[in-house]
Amino acid sequence: MMQHFCNIMEEYATHKNASLEYSPETRAYDLHVVEEWAEMVEKELGLKSVWDIEWNEIPDKYKTDEWWKKRGL
């Protein structure tokens, strides 16, 4: 992993439920909590895998920042 960030960001980059990506063209970092998002949607909809359904089948509250803000992530 390239060293472009401080220790705090490195902690997020190595956290098992988060993904930190660096975009060199915009010099921007992007933090993802993909695994937690998928688990929440799967649990609510009773799915084996969220990746098996279409985007329009996912509740709107999971298409914004509402879901992670409510959980303090």
N, C-alpha and C. Protein backbone atom coordinates (compact mmCIF):
# COMPACT_ATOMS: atom_id res chain seq x y z
N MET A 1 0.85 -1.17 0.00
CA MET A 1 0.00 0.00 0.00
C MET A 1 0.89 1.23 0.00
N MET A 2 0.55 2.21 -0.81
CA MET A 2 1.32 3.44 -0.88
C MET A 2 1.10 4.26 0.38
N GLN A 3 2.12 4.93 0.82
CA GLN A 3 2.02 5.76 2.02
C GLN A 3 1.70 7.20 1.63
N HIS A 4 0.40 7.53 1.58
CA HIS A 4 -0.04 8.88 1.21
C HIS A 4 -0.77 9.56 2.35
N PHE A 5 -0.82 8.94 3.51
CA PHE A 5 -1.71 9.47 4.53
C PHE A 5 -1.13 9.34 5.93
N CYS A 6 -1.79 9.97 6.87
CA CYS A 6 -1.35 9.96 8.26
C CYS A 6 -1.73 8.64 8.94
N ASN A 7 -1.32 8.47 10.19
CA ASN A 7 -1.59 7.24 10.94
C ASN A 7 -3.08 6.98 11.11
N ILE A 8 -3.86 8.03 11.29
CA ILE A 8 -5.31 7.86 11.46
C ILE A 8 -5.93 7.25 10.21
N MET A 9 -5.55 7.76 9.05
CA MET A 9 -6.09 7.21 7.82
C MET A 9 -5.58 5.79 7.57
N GLU A 10 -4.36 5.52 7.99
CA GLU A 10 -3.84 4.17 7.82
C GLU A 10 -4.66 3.18 8.64
N GLU A 11 -5.10 3.61 9.82
CA GLU A 11 -5.95 2.74 10.65
C GLU A 11 -7.24 2.39 9.91
N TYR A 12 -7.85 3.38 9.26
CA TYR A 12 -9.06 3.11 8.47
C TYR A 12 -8.75 2.21 7.27
N ALA A 13 -7.61 2.43 6.68
CA ALA A 13 -7.24 1.66 5.49
C ALA A 13 -7.03 0.20 5.81
N THR A 14 -6.66 -0.11 7.04
CA THR A 14 -6.40 -1.50 7.41
C THR A 14 -7.53 -2.11 8.22
N HIS A 15 -8.59 -1.35 8.48
CA HIS A 15 -9.74 -1.88 9.21
C HIS A 15 -10.45 -2.89 8.35
N LYS A 16 -10.88 -4.01 8.94
CA LYS A 16 -11.46 -5.09 8.15
C LYS A 16 -12.78 -4.73 7.48
N ASN A 17 -13.52 -3.75 8.01
CA ASN A 17 -14.81 -3.40 7.43
C ASN A 17 -14.77 -2.12 6.61
N ALA A 18 -13.60 -1.61 6.37
CA ALA A 18 -13.50 -0.37 5.60
C ALA A 18 -12.47 -0.54 4.51
N SER A 19 -12.67 0.21 3.48
CA SER A 19 -11.74 0.21 2.37
C SER A 19 -11.39 1.65 2.06
N LEU A 20 -10.13 1.94 2.01
CA LEU A 20 -9.67 3.29 1.70
C LEU A 20 -8.95 3.23 0.37
N GLU A 21 -9.44 4.01 -0.58
CA GLU A 21 -8.83 4.03 -1.90
C GLU A 21 -8.29 5.42 -2.20
N TYR A 22 -7.18 5.45 -2.89
CA TYR A 22 -6.56 6.72 -3.30
C TYR A 22 -6.68 6.87 -4.80
N SER A 23 -7.14 8.04 -5.22
CA SER A 23 -7.29 8.34 -6.64
C SER A 23 -6.22 9.37 -7.02
N PRO A 24 -5.14 8.93 -7.69
CA PRO A 24 -4.04 9.85 -7.99
C PRO A 24 -4.44 11.00 -8.92
N GLU A 25 -5.39 10.78 -9.80
CA GLU A 25 -5.75 11.85 -10.73
C GLU A 25 -6.43 13.03 -10.02
N THR A 26 -7.11 12.78 -8.91
CA THR A 26 -7.76 13.86 -8.18
C THR A 26 -7.12 14.12 -6.82
N ARG A 27 -6.10 13.30 -6.49
CA ARG A 27 -5.42 13.38 -5.20
C ARG A 27 -6.42 13.28 -4.06
N ALA A 28 -7.37 12.36 -4.20
CA ALA A 28 -8.44 12.21 -3.22
C ALA A 28 -8.47 10.80 -2.65
N TYR A 29 -8.88 10.72 -1.41
CA TYR A 29 -9.07 9.43 -0.75
C TYR A 29 -10.56 9.16 -0.67
N ASP A 30 -10.93 7.91 -0.77
CA ASP A 30 -12.33 7.51 -0.71
C ASP A 30 -12.45 6.39 0.31
N LEU A 31 -13.25 6.61 1.34
CA LEU A 31 -13.44 5.62 2.39
C LEU A 31 -14.74 4.87 2.15
N HIS A 32 -14.66 3.55 2.13
CA HIS A 32 -15.84 2.73 1.90
C HIS A 32 -16.11 1.84 3.10
N VAL A 33 -17.34 1.62 3.37
CA VAL A 33 -17.73 0.66 4.40
C VAL A 33 -18.65 -0.37 3.75
N VAL A 34 -18.15 -0.91 2.68
CA VAL A 34 -18.92 -1.79 1.82
C VAL A 34 -19.42 -3.04 2.55
N GLU A 35 -18.58 -3.67 3.32
CA GLU A 35 -19.00 -4.90 3.99
C GLU A 35 -20.13 -4.65 4.97
N GLU A 36 -20.04 -3.59 5.76
CA GLU A 36 -21.12 -3.29 6.71
C GLU A 36 -22.39 -2.94 5.97
N TRP A 37 -22.27 -2.19 4.89
CA TRP A 37 -23.45 -1.84 4.10
C TRP A 37 -24.13 -3.10 3.58
N ALA A 38 -23.35 -4.00 3.02
CA ALA A 38 -23.90 -5.24 2.46
C ALA A 38 -24.58 -6.07 3.55
N GLU A 39 -23.94 -6.17 4.72
CA GLU A 39 -24.53 -6.95 5.82
C GLU A 39 -25.85 -6.36 6.27
N MET A 40 -25.94 -5.03 6.36
CA MET A 40 -27.18 -4.39 6.80
C MET A 40 -28.32 -4.66 5.80
N VAL A 41 -28.02 -4.50 4.52
CA VAL A 41 -29.05 -4.72 3.50
C VAL A 41 -29.46 -6.20 3.47
N GLU A 42 -28.50 -7.10 3.55
CA GLU A 42 -28.81 -8.54 3.55
C GLU A 42 -29.69 -8.90 4.74
N LYS A 43 -29.35 -8.37 5.90
CA LYS A 43 -30.13 -8.67 7.11
C LYS A 43 -31.56 -8.16 6.98
N GLU A 44 -31.71 -6.91 6.54
CA GLU A 44 -33.05 -6.33 6.42
C GLU A 44 -33.91 -7.04 5.39
N LEU A 45 -33.31 -7.42 4.28
CA LEU A 45 -34.08 -8.04 3.20
C LEU A 45 -34.06 -9.57 3.25
N GLY A 46 -33.32 -10.13 4.21
CA GLY A 46 -33.25 -11.59 4.32
C GLY A 46 -32.55 -12.23 3.14
N LEU A 47 -31.50 -11.58 2.67
CA LEU A 47 -30.77 -12.07 1.50
C LEU A 47 -29.54 -12.85 1.88
N LYS A 48 -29.15 -13.75 1.02
CA LYS A 48 -27.88 -14.44 1.19
C LYS A 48 -26.74 -13.53 0.73
N SER A 49 -26.98 -12.80 -0.34
CA SER A 49 -25.99 -11.86 -0.86
C SER A 49 -26.70 -10.67 -1.50
N VAL A 50 -26.31 -9.47 -1.07
CA VAL A 50 -26.89 -8.25 -1.63
C VAL A 50 -26.51 -8.09 -3.10
N TRP A 51 -25.42 -8.72 -3.49
CA TRP A 51 -24.93 -8.58 -4.86
C TRP A 51 -25.76 -9.39 -5.86
N ASP A 52 -26.74 -10.15 -5.35
CA ASP A 52 -27.60 -10.96 -6.22
C ASP A 52 -28.87 -10.24 -6.64
N ILE A 53 -29.09 -9.01 -6.15
CA ILE A 53 -30.31 -8.29 -6.51
C ILE A 53 -29.99 -7.02 -7.28
N GLU A 54 -31.02 -6.43 -7.86
CA GLU A 54 -30.86 -5.20 -8.63
C GLU A 54 -30.86 -3.99 -7.68
N TRP A 55 -30.19 -2.91 -8.10
CA TRP A 55 -30.08 -1.70 -7.29
C TRP A 55 -31.45 -1.16 -6.90
N ASN A 56 -32.43 -1.23 -7.80
CA ASN A 56 -33.76 -0.69 -7.50
C ASN A 56 -34.52 -1.51 -6.46
N GLU A 57 -34.03 -2.69 -6.11
CA GLU A 57 -34.65 -3.51 -5.08
C GLU A 57 -34.13 -3.17 -3.68
N ILE A 58 -33.11 -2.36 -3.60
CA ILE A 58 -32.52 -1.96 -2.32
C ILE A 58 -33.29 -0.77 -1.78
N PRO A 59 -33.68 -0.81 -0.49
CA PRO A 59 -34.41 0.32 0.10
C PRO A 59 -33.64 1.63 -0.03
N ASP A 60 -34.37 2.71 -0.25
CA ASP A 60 -33.76 4.02 -0.45
C ASP A 60 -32.88 4.45 0.71
N LYS A 61 -33.22 4.05 1.93
CA LYS A 61 -32.42 4.48 3.08
C LYS A 61 -31.00 3.93 3.04
N TYR A 62 -30.75 2.92 2.23
CA TYR A 62 -29.39 2.38 2.08
C TYR A 62 -28.68 2.97 0.87
N LYS A 63 -29.31 3.90 0.18
CA LYS A 63 -28.70 4.53 -0.98
C LYS A 63 -28.18 5.93 -0.66
N THR A 64 -28.23 6.29 0.61
CA THR A 64 -27.71 7.58 1.06
C THR A 64 -26.80 7.34 2.26
N ASP A 65 -26.35 8.41 2.86
CA ASP A 65 -25.50 8.29 4.04
C ASP A 65 -26.30 8.05 5.32
N GLU A 66 -27.62 7.99 5.21
CA GLU A 66 -28.49 7.81 6.38
C GLU A 66 -28.14 6.57 7.19
N TRP A 67 -27.90 5.45 6.53
CA TRP A 67 -27.69 4.19 7.24
C TRP A 67 -26.45 4.22 8.11
N TRP A 68 -25.35 4.78 7.64
CA TRP A 68 -24.14 4.76 8.47
C TRP A 68 -24.12 5.88 9.49
N LYS A 69 -24.76 6.99 9.21
CA LYS A 69 -24.83 8.07 10.19
C LYS A 69 -25.66 7.62 11.40
N LYS A 70 -26.75 6.91 11.17
CA LYS A 70 -27.59 6.40 12.27
C LYS A 70 -26.80 5.46 13.18
N ARG A 71 -25.82 4.79 12.63
CA ARG A 71 -25.04 3.82 13.39
C ARG A 71 -23.72 4.40 13.90
N GLY A 72 -23.49 5.66 13.64
CA GLY A 72 -22.29 6.32 14.13
C GLY A 72 -21.01 5.83 13.50
N LEU A 73 -21.07 5.39 12.26
CA LEU A 73 -19.87 4.88 11.58
C LEU A 73 -19.09 5.99 10.93
